């Protein structure tokens, strides 16, 4: 076997491994992001009065009234993470949380540099899910395979 074919073989084996590990990476992204956003939603529900006060006096949410923003963000943080975990409407859920993430950074003027970095990290992970979908281990993939196989 020549050196070129040896290198090519090593490369192909490595890319196969990366392709197979992609499923795990996507699942880890989905579970991690679901935990982050769901816990944020739970903290809003636990003290809705404080949440409303923060949205009225601390956060500067553009375009919509503070109470609507508080309830919408709470809803989004409780529903979309569950959809991410099961992989249903994965791209839409990740996109909705991506927008929420951007609004959160824009709306809170006193966010720390570490907080901004967290939001960048979450945003990058969400963008991966928007671009590539929830992966093969998802309800989206099962639905597509079961009902729309002829369209793929």
N, C-alpha and C. Protein backbone atom coordinates (compact mmCIF):
# COMPACT_ATOMS: atom_id res chain seq x y z
N UNK A 1 0.84 -1.18 0.00
CA UNK A 1 0.00 0.00 0.00
C UNK A 1 0.89 1.24 0.00
N UNK A 2 0.59 2.19 -0.84
CA UNK A 2 1.41 3.40 -0.93
C UNK A 2 1.11 4.33 0.25
N UNK A 3 1.99 5.30 0.43
CA UNK A 3 1.80 6.27 1.50
C UNK A 3 0.52 7.07 1.30
N UNK A 4 0.22 7.40 0.06
CA UNK A 4 -0.99 8.18 -0.24
C UNK A 4 -2.23 7.39 0.15
N UNK A 5 -2.28 6.12 -0.21
CA UNK A 5 -3.46 5.33 0.13
C UNK A 5 -3.55 5.07 1.63
N UNK A 6 -2.40 4.99 2.32
CA UNK A 6 -2.41 4.85 3.78
C UNK A 6 -2.99 6.09 4.43
N UNK A 7 -2.53 7.25 3.99
CA UNK A 7 -3.05 8.52 4.52
C UNK A 7 -4.53 8.66 4.19
N UNK A 8 -4.91 8.32 2.98
CA UNK A 8 -6.32 8.40 2.59
C UNK A 8 -7.17 7.47 3.43
N UNK A 9 -6.67 6.28 3.71
CA UNK A 9 -7.40 5.32 4.53
C UNK A 9 -7.57 5.84 5.96
N UNK A 10 -6.49 6.39 6.52
CA UNK A 10 -6.58 6.98 7.86
C UNK A 10 -7.58 8.13 7.90
N UNK A 11 -7.53 8.96 6.88
CA UNK A 11 -8.46 10.09 6.80
C UNK A 11 -9.91 9.61 6.72
N UNK A 12 -10.17 8.63 5.88
CA UNK A 12 -11.54 8.11 5.74
C UNK A 12 -12.03 7.48 7.04
N UNK A 13 -11.16 6.75 7.73
CA UNK A 13 -11.55 6.17 9.01
C UNK A 13 -11.85 7.25 10.04
N UNK A 14 -11.04 8.30 10.06
CA UNK A 14 -11.28 9.40 11.00
C UNK A 14 -12.59 10.11 10.69
N UNK A 15 -12.87 10.36 9.42
CA UNK A 15 -14.12 11.05 9.08
C UNK A 15 -15.33 10.17 9.37
N UNK A 16 -15.19 8.86 9.21
CA UNK A 16 -16.30 7.96 9.58
C UNK A 16 -16.58 8.05 11.08
N UNK A 17 -15.51 8.10 11.87
CA UNK A 17 -15.67 8.23 13.31
C UNK A 17 -16.35 9.55 13.66
N UNK A 18 -15.93 10.63 13.01
CA UNK A 18 -16.55 11.93 13.25
C UNK A 18 -18.02 11.91 12.85
N UNK A 19 -18.33 11.31 11.72
CA UNK A 19 -19.73 11.21 11.28
C UNK A 19 -20.57 10.46 12.31
N UNK A 20 -20.03 9.37 12.83
CA UNK A 20 -20.78 8.59 13.82
C UNK A 20 -20.92 9.34 15.15
N UNK A 21 -19.90 10.10 15.53
CA UNK A 21 -19.97 10.83 16.79
C UNK A 21 -20.84 12.08 16.69
N UNK A 22 -21.20 12.47 15.48
CA UNK A 22 -22.06 13.64 15.30
C UNK A 22 -23.40 13.44 16.01
N UNK A 23 -23.94 12.24 15.97
CA UNK A 23 -25.20 11.95 16.64
C UNK A 23 -25.09 12.27 18.13
N UNK A 24 -23.98 11.84 18.73
CA UNK A 24 -23.78 12.08 20.16
C UNK A 24 -23.64 13.57 20.44
N UNK A 25 -22.86 14.28 19.61
CA UNK A 25 -22.67 15.71 19.81
C UNK A 25 -24.00 16.46 19.74
N UNK A 26 -24.82 16.14 18.76
CA UNK A 26 -26.11 16.81 18.60
C UNK A 26 -27.01 16.53 19.81
N UNK A 27 -27.01 15.29 20.29
CA UNK A 27 -27.81 14.96 21.47
C UNK A 27 -27.31 15.74 22.69
N UNK A 28 -26.00 15.81 22.86
CA UNK A 28 -25.42 16.56 23.98
C UNK A 28 -25.82 18.04 23.88
N UNK A 29 -25.73 18.62 22.70
CA UNK A 29 -26.15 20.01 22.50
C UNK A 29 -27.60 20.18 22.91
N UNK A 30 -28.47 19.30 22.41
CA UNK A 30 -29.91 19.40 22.69
C UNK A 30 -30.18 19.31 24.19
N UNK A 31 -29.57 18.35 24.86
CA UNK A 31 -29.81 18.15 26.29
C UNK A 31 -29.25 19.30 27.12
N UNK A 32 -28.04 19.74 26.79
CA UNK A 32 -27.42 20.84 27.54
C UNK A 32 -28.24 22.12 27.40
N UNK A 33 -28.58 22.47 26.18
CA UNK A 33 -29.35 23.69 25.95
C UNK A 33 -30.74 23.60 26.58
N UNK A 34 -31.35 22.44 26.51
CA UNK A 34 -32.66 22.26 27.13
C UNK A 34 -32.57 22.51 28.62
N UNK A 35 -31.53 22.00 29.25
CA UNK A 35 -31.36 22.21 30.69
C UNK A 35 -31.20 23.69 31.02
N UNK A 36 -30.34 24.37 30.29
CA UNK A 36 -30.08 25.79 30.54
C UNK A 36 -31.37 26.61 30.43
N UNK A 37 -32.08 26.44 29.33
CA UNK A 37 -33.26 27.27 29.10
C UNK A 37 -34.44 26.85 29.96
N UNK A 38 -34.62 25.54 30.18
CA UNK A 38 -35.74 25.08 31.01
C UNK A 38 -35.57 25.55 32.45
N UNK A 39 -34.36 25.47 32.99
CA UNK A 39 -34.13 25.96 34.35
C UNK A 39 -34.38 27.46 34.45
N UNK A 40 -34.03 28.20 33.41
CA UNK A 40 -34.32 29.64 33.40
C UNK A 40 -35.83 29.87 33.43
N UNK A 41 -36.57 29.08 32.66
CA UNK A 41 -38.03 29.20 32.66
C UNK A 41 -38.62 28.84 34.01
N UNK A 42 -38.10 27.78 34.64
CA UNK A 42 -38.60 27.40 35.96
C UNK A 42 -38.36 28.49 36.99
N UNK A 43 -37.20 29.14 36.91
CA UNK A 43 -36.91 30.22 37.87
C UNK A 43 -37.87 31.39 37.66
N UNK A 44 -38.28 31.64 36.44
CA UNK A 44 -39.26 32.69 36.18
C UNK A 44 -40.62 32.32 36.78
N UNK A 45 -41.03 31.07 36.61
CA UNK A 45 -42.33 30.62 37.12
C UNK A 45 -42.35 30.64 38.64
N UNK A 46 -41.24 30.24 39.28
CA UNK A 46 -41.19 30.16 40.74
C UNK A 46 -41.45 31.52 41.39
N UNK A 47 -41.03 32.57 40.73
CA UNK A 47 -41.24 33.91 41.28
C UNK A 47 -41.69 34.85 40.16
N UNK A 48 -42.92 34.62 39.70
CA UNK A 48 -43.43 35.39 38.56
C UNK A 48 -43.52 36.88 38.88
N UNK A 49 -43.81 37.22 40.15
CA UNK A 49 -43.85 38.64 40.52
C UNK A 49 -42.49 39.29 40.31
N UNK A 50 -41.44 38.61 40.73
CA UNK A 50 -40.08 39.13 40.53
C UNK A 50 -39.74 39.20 39.04
N UNK A 51 -40.18 38.19 38.31
CA UNK A 51 -39.94 38.16 36.87
C UNK A 51 -40.58 39.37 36.20
N UNK A 52 -41.84 39.64 36.55
CA UNK A 52 -42.54 40.79 35.97
C UNK A 52 -41.84 42.09 36.35
N UNK A 53 -41.39 42.19 37.60
CA UNK A 53 -40.68 43.40 38.03
C UNK A 53 -39.38 43.58 37.23
N UNK A 54 -38.63 42.49 37.05
CA UNK A 54 -37.39 42.57 36.27
C UNK A 54 -37.67 43.01 34.84
N UNK A 55 -38.70 42.46 34.24
CA UNK A 55 -39.02 42.82 32.86
C UNK A 55 -39.50 44.27 32.77
N UNK A 56 -40.13 44.77 33.83
CA UNK A 56 -40.61 46.15 33.80
C UNK A 56 -39.49 47.15 34.05
N UNK A 57 -38.60 46.86 35.01
CA UNK A 57 -37.63 47.86 35.44
C UNK A 57 -36.18 47.60 35.03
N UNK A 58 -35.79 46.36 34.83
CA UNK A 58 -34.39 46.04 34.53
C UNK A 58 -34.14 45.79 33.05
N UNK A 59 -34.98 44.97 32.45
CA UNK A 59 -34.77 44.58 31.06
C UNK A 59 -35.41 45.60 30.14
N UNK A 60 -34.77 45.86 29.04
CA UNK A 60 -35.29 46.81 28.06
C UNK A 60 -35.66 46.05 26.79
N UNK A 61 -36.75 45.27 26.89
CA UNK A 61 -37.18 44.44 25.77
C UNK A 61 -37.79 45.34 24.70
N UNK A 62 -37.30 45.24 23.46
CA UNK A 62 -37.83 46.11 22.40
C UNK A 62 -39.18 45.63 21.87
N UNK A 63 -39.99 46.55 21.43
CA UNK A 63 -41.19 46.34 20.62
C UNK A 63 -42.44 45.83 21.34
N UNK A 64 -42.32 45.12 22.44
CA UNK A 64 -43.52 44.59 23.08
C UNK A 64 -43.57 44.99 24.56
N UNK A 65 -44.78 45.06 25.13
CA UNK A 65 -44.90 45.42 26.55
C UNK A 65 -44.16 44.42 27.45
N UNK A 66 -43.71 44.92 28.60
CA UNK A 66 -42.89 44.09 29.48
C UNK A 66 -43.60 42.82 29.95
N UNK A 67 -44.91 42.91 30.23
CA UNK A 67 -45.60 41.73 30.74
C UNK A 67 -45.75 40.66 29.65
N UNK A 68 -46.00 41.10 28.43
CA UNK A 68 -46.08 40.16 27.30
C UNK A 68 -44.72 39.49 27.10
N UNK A 69 -43.66 40.28 27.18
CA UNK A 69 -42.30 39.74 27.03
C UNK A 69 -41.99 38.72 28.13
N UNK A 70 -42.41 39.03 29.35
CA UNK A 70 -42.15 38.11 30.47
C UNK A 70 -42.85 36.78 30.26
N UNK A 71 -44.12 36.83 29.89
CA UNK A 71 -44.87 35.58 29.70
C UNK A 71 -44.40 34.82 28.45
N UNK A 72 -44.09 35.55 27.39
CA UNK A 72 -43.60 34.88 26.17
C UNK A 72 -42.26 34.20 26.41
N UNK A 73 -41.36 34.88 27.09
CA UNK A 73 -40.05 34.27 27.32
C UNK A 73 -40.17 33.08 28.27
N UNK A 74 -41.05 33.18 29.25
CA UNK A 74 -41.27 32.05 30.16
C UNK A 74 -41.83 30.86 29.39
N UNK A 75 -42.81 31.11 28.55
CA UNK A 75 -43.39 30.06 27.71
C UNK A 75 -42.31 29.42 26.84
N UNK A 76 -41.53 30.26 26.17
CA UNK A 76 -40.48 29.76 25.27
C UNK A 76 -39.46 28.92 26.03
N UNK A 77 -39.09 29.37 27.24
CA UNK A 77 -38.07 28.65 28.00
C UNK A 77 -38.59 27.35 28.61
N UNK A 78 -39.89 27.19 28.67
CA UNK A 78 -40.46 25.94 29.19
C UNK A 78 -40.87 24.97 28.08
N UNK A 79 -41.30 25.47 26.94
CA UNK A 79 -41.81 24.60 25.87
C UNK A 79 -40.71 24.17 24.90
N UNK A 80 -39.95 25.11 24.37
CA UNK A 80 -38.96 24.77 23.35
C UNK A 80 -37.86 23.83 23.84
N UNK A 81 -37.40 23.93 25.09
CA UNK A 81 -36.43 22.94 25.57
C UNK A 81 -36.98 21.50 25.57
N UNK A 82 -38.25 21.35 25.92
CA UNK A 82 -38.86 20.01 25.90
C UNK A 82 -38.87 19.48 24.47
N UNK A 83 -39.22 20.35 23.52
CA UNK A 83 -39.22 19.94 22.12
C UNK A 83 -37.80 19.59 21.65
N UNK A 84 -36.80 20.33 22.14
CA UNK A 84 -35.41 20.00 21.79
C UNK A 84 -35.03 18.62 22.30
N UNK A 85 -35.42 18.30 23.53
CA UNK A 85 -35.05 17.01 24.11
C UNK A 85 -35.61 15.86 23.27
N UNK A 86 -36.87 15.97 22.87
CA UNK A 86 -37.47 14.88 22.09
C UNK A 86 -37.18 15.00 20.60
N UNK A 87 -36.62 16.14 20.20
CA UNK A 87 -36.26 16.32 18.80
C UNK A 87 -37.45 16.56 17.90
N UNK A 88 -38.46 17.23 18.41
CA UNK A 88 -39.65 17.55 17.63
C UNK A 88 -39.62 19.04 17.29
N UNK A 89 -39.78 19.35 16.01
CA UNK A 89 -39.66 20.74 15.55
C UNK A 89 -38.31 21.31 16.00
N UNK A 90 -37.28 20.50 15.84
CA UNK A 90 -35.96 20.83 16.36
C UNK A 90 -35.37 22.11 15.83
N UNK A 91 -35.43 22.30 14.53
CA UNK A 91 -34.88 23.53 13.95
C UNK A 91 -35.67 24.75 14.40
N UNK A 92 -36.99 24.63 14.40
CA UNK A 92 -37.84 25.75 14.83
C UNK A 92 -37.57 26.08 16.29
N UNK A 93 -37.52 25.07 17.14
CA UNK A 93 -37.29 25.28 18.57
C UNK A 93 -35.93 25.93 18.82
N UNK A 94 -34.90 25.43 18.15
CA UNK A 94 -33.57 26.01 18.29
C UNK A 94 -33.55 27.45 17.77
N UNK A 95 -34.24 27.70 16.67
CA UNK A 95 -34.32 29.06 16.12
C UNK A 95 -35.03 30.01 17.07
N UNK A 96 -36.12 29.55 17.67
CA UNK A 96 -36.85 30.38 18.63
C UNK A 96 -35.98 30.70 19.84
N UNK A 97 -35.26 29.71 20.35
CA UNK A 97 -34.37 29.96 21.49
C UNK A 97 -33.18 30.82 21.08
N UNK A 98 -32.73 30.71 19.84
CA UNK A 98 -31.66 31.57 19.34
C UNK A 98 -32.09 33.03 19.37
N UNK A 99 -33.31 33.29 18.89
CA UNK A 99 -33.84 34.66 18.90
C UNK A 99 -34.01 35.14 20.34
N UNK A 100 -34.55 34.30 21.21
CA UNK A 100 -34.72 34.65 22.62
C UNK A 100 -33.36 34.97 23.25
N UNK A 101 -32.36 34.21 22.91
CA UNK A 101 -31.01 34.42 23.41
C UNK A 101 -30.47 35.79 22.99
N UNK A 102 -30.69 36.16 21.74
CA UNK A 102 -30.25 37.47 21.25
C UNK A 102 -30.99 38.59 21.98
N UNK A 103 -32.30 38.44 22.11
CA UNK A 103 -33.10 39.46 22.79
C UNK A 103 -32.65 39.60 24.25
N UNK A 104 -32.31 38.49 24.88
CA UNK A 104 -31.85 38.54 26.27
C UNK A 104 -30.58 39.37 26.41
N UNK A 105 -29.65 39.20 25.49
CA UNK A 105 -28.40 39.97 25.55
C UNK A 105 -28.65 41.44 25.27
N UNK A 106 -29.49 41.72 24.29
CA UNK A 106 -29.79 43.11 23.93
C UNK A 106 -30.56 43.82 25.03
N UNK A 107 -31.44 43.09 25.70
CA UNK A 107 -32.38 43.69 26.65
C UNK A 107 -31.79 43.99 28.01
N UNK A 108 -30.71 43.35 28.37
CA UNK A 108 -30.16 43.53 29.71
C UNK A 108 -28.85 44.30 29.62
N UNK A 109 -28.90 45.61 29.88
CA UNK A 109 -27.71 46.44 29.70
C UNK A 109 -26.59 46.15 30.70
N UNK A 110 -26.90 45.59 31.86
CA UNK A 110 -25.88 45.36 32.89
C UNK A 110 -25.31 43.95 32.87
N UNK A 111 -25.44 43.26 31.76
CA UNK A 111 -24.93 41.88 31.68
C UNK A 111 -23.41 41.89 31.76
N UNK A 112 -22.87 40.95 32.51
CA UNK A 112 -21.42 40.87 32.69
C UNK A 112 -20.75 40.28 31.45
N UNK A 113 -19.45 40.51 31.30
CA UNK A 113 -18.75 39.90 30.16
C UNK A 113 -18.86 38.37 30.17
N UNK A 114 -18.83 37.77 31.36
CA UNK A 114 -19.00 36.32 31.45
C UNK A 114 -20.38 35.89 30.99
N UNK A 115 -21.39 36.69 31.33
CA UNK A 115 -22.75 36.41 30.89
C UNK A 115 -22.88 36.50 29.38
N UNK A 116 -22.23 37.49 28.81
CA UNK A 116 -22.25 37.64 27.35
C UNK A 116 -21.60 36.43 26.70
N UNK A 117 -20.47 35.98 27.27
CA UNK A 117 -19.80 34.79 26.72
C UNK A 117 -20.69 33.56 26.79
N UNK A 118 -21.43 33.40 27.89
CA UNK A 118 -22.38 32.28 27.98
C UNK A 118 -23.39 32.34 26.85
N UNK A 119 -23.92 33.53 26.61
CA UNK A 119 -24.92 33.69 25.55
C UNK A 119 -24.33 33.42 24.16
N UNK A 120 -23.07 33.82 23.95
CA UNK A 120 -22.40 33.50 22.69
C UNK A 120 -22.28 31.98 22.52
N UNK A 121 -21.87 31.31 23.59
CA UNK A 121 -21.70 29.86 23.58
C UNK A 121 -23.03 29.18 23.26
N UNK A 122 -24.09 29.57 23.98
CA UNK A 122 -25.41 28.99 23.73
C UNK A 122 -25.89 29.30 22.32
N UNK A 123 -25.64 30.53 21.88
CA UNK A 123 -26.05 30.93 20.53
C UNK A 123 -25.36 30.10 19.46
N UNK A 124 -24.07 29.83 19.64
CA UNK A 124 -23.34 29.01 18.67
C UNK A 124 -23.90 27.59 18.63
N UNK A 125 -24.19 27.03 19.80
CA UNK A 125 -24.76 25.68 19.85
C UNK A 125 -26.15 25.66 19.21
N UNK A 126 -26.95 26.68 19.49
CA UNK A 126 -28.29 26.75 18.89
C UNK A 126 -28.20 26.89 17.38
N UNK A 127 -27.24 27.66 16.92
CA UNK A 127 -27.07 27.84 15.48
C UNK A 127 -26.70 26.51 14.80
N UNK A 128 -25.90 25.70 15.45
CA UNK A 128 -25.59 24.36 14.91
C UNK A 128 -26.88 23.56 14.75
N UNK A 129 -27.75 23.62 15.76
CA UNK A 129 -29.02 22.88 15.68
C UNK A 129 -29.94 23.44 14.61
N UNK A 130 -29.93 24.75 14.44
CA UNK A 130 -30.75 25.36 13.38
C UNK A 130 -30.23 24.90 12.01
N UNK A 131 -28.93 24.91 11.83
CA UNK A 131 -28.35 24.59 10.53
C UNK A 131 -28.42 23.09 10.20
N UNK A 132 -28.20 22.23 11.19
CA UNK A 132 -28.10 20.79 10.92
C UNK A 132 -29.29 19.99 11.43
N UNK A 133 -30.18 20.63 12.19
CA UNK A 133 -31.35 19.92 12.69
C UNK A 133 -31.03 19.12 13.94
N UNK A 134 -32.04 18.45 14.47
CA UNK A 134 -31.87 17.72 15.74
C UNK A 134 -31.20 16.36 15.59
N UNK A 135 -30.84 15.96 14.39
CA UNK A 135 -30.10 14.72 14.19
C UNK A 135 -30.97 13.50 13.98
N UNK A 136 -30.27 12.37 13.82
CA UNK A 136 -30.96 11.11 13.52
C UNK A 136 -31.73 10.57 14.71
N UNK A 137 -31.29 10.89 15.91
CA UNK A 137 -31.96 10.41 17.12
C UNK A 137 -32.99 11.44 17.58
N UNK A 138 -34.00 11.67 16.75
CA UNK A 138 -35.02 12.68 17.05
C UNK A 138 -36.36 12.26 16.48
N UNK A 139 -37.41 12.84 17.01
CA UNK A 139 -38.74 12.60 16.43
C UNK A 139 -38.83 13.17 15.03
N UNK A 140 -38.17 14.28 14.78
CA UNK A 140 -38.17 14.85 13.43
C UNK A 140 -37.65 13.83 12.41
N UNK A 141 -36.54 13.17 12.74
CA UNK A 141 -35.96 12.17 11.83
C UNK A 141 -36.91 10.98 11.66
N UNK A 142 -37.52 10.54 12.75
CA UNK A 142 -38.46 9.42 12.68
C UNK A 142 -39.66 9.77 11.81
N UNK A 143 -40.21 10.97 12.02
CA UNK A 143 -41.37 11.41 11.24
C UNK A 143 -41.01 11.50 9.76
N UNK A 144 -39.85 12.08 9.48
CA UNK A 144 -39.43 12.19 8.08
C UNK A 144 -39.26 10.81 7.45
N UNK A 145 -38.63 9.90 8.16
CA UNK A 145 -38.40 8.55 7.63
C UNK A 145 -39.72 7.79 7.48
N UNK A 146 -40.60 7.94 8.44
CA UNK A 146 -41.86 7.17 8.47
C UNK A 146 -42.88 7.69 7.46
N UNK A 147 -43.01 9.01 7.36
CA UNK A 147 -44.10 9.58 6.57
C UNK A 147 -43.65 10.29 5.29
N UNK A 148 -42.39 10.71 5.24
CA UNK A 148 -41.93 11.50 4.10
C UNK A 148 -40.69 10.93 3.45
N UNK A 149 -40.49 9.64 3.55
CA UNK A 149 -39.29 9.00 3.00
C UNK A 149 -39.17 9.22 1.49
N UNK A 150 -40.31 9.27 0.81
CA UNK A 150 -40.27 9.44 -0.65
C UNK A 150 -39.91 10.87 -1.06
N UNK A 151 -39.94 11.82 -0.13
CA UNK A 151 -39.59 13.20 -0.45
C UNK A 151 -38.10 13.48 -0.26
N UNK A 152 -37.42 12.62 0.45
CA UNK A 152 -36.01 12.86 0.76
C UNK A 152 -35.11 12.53 -0.41
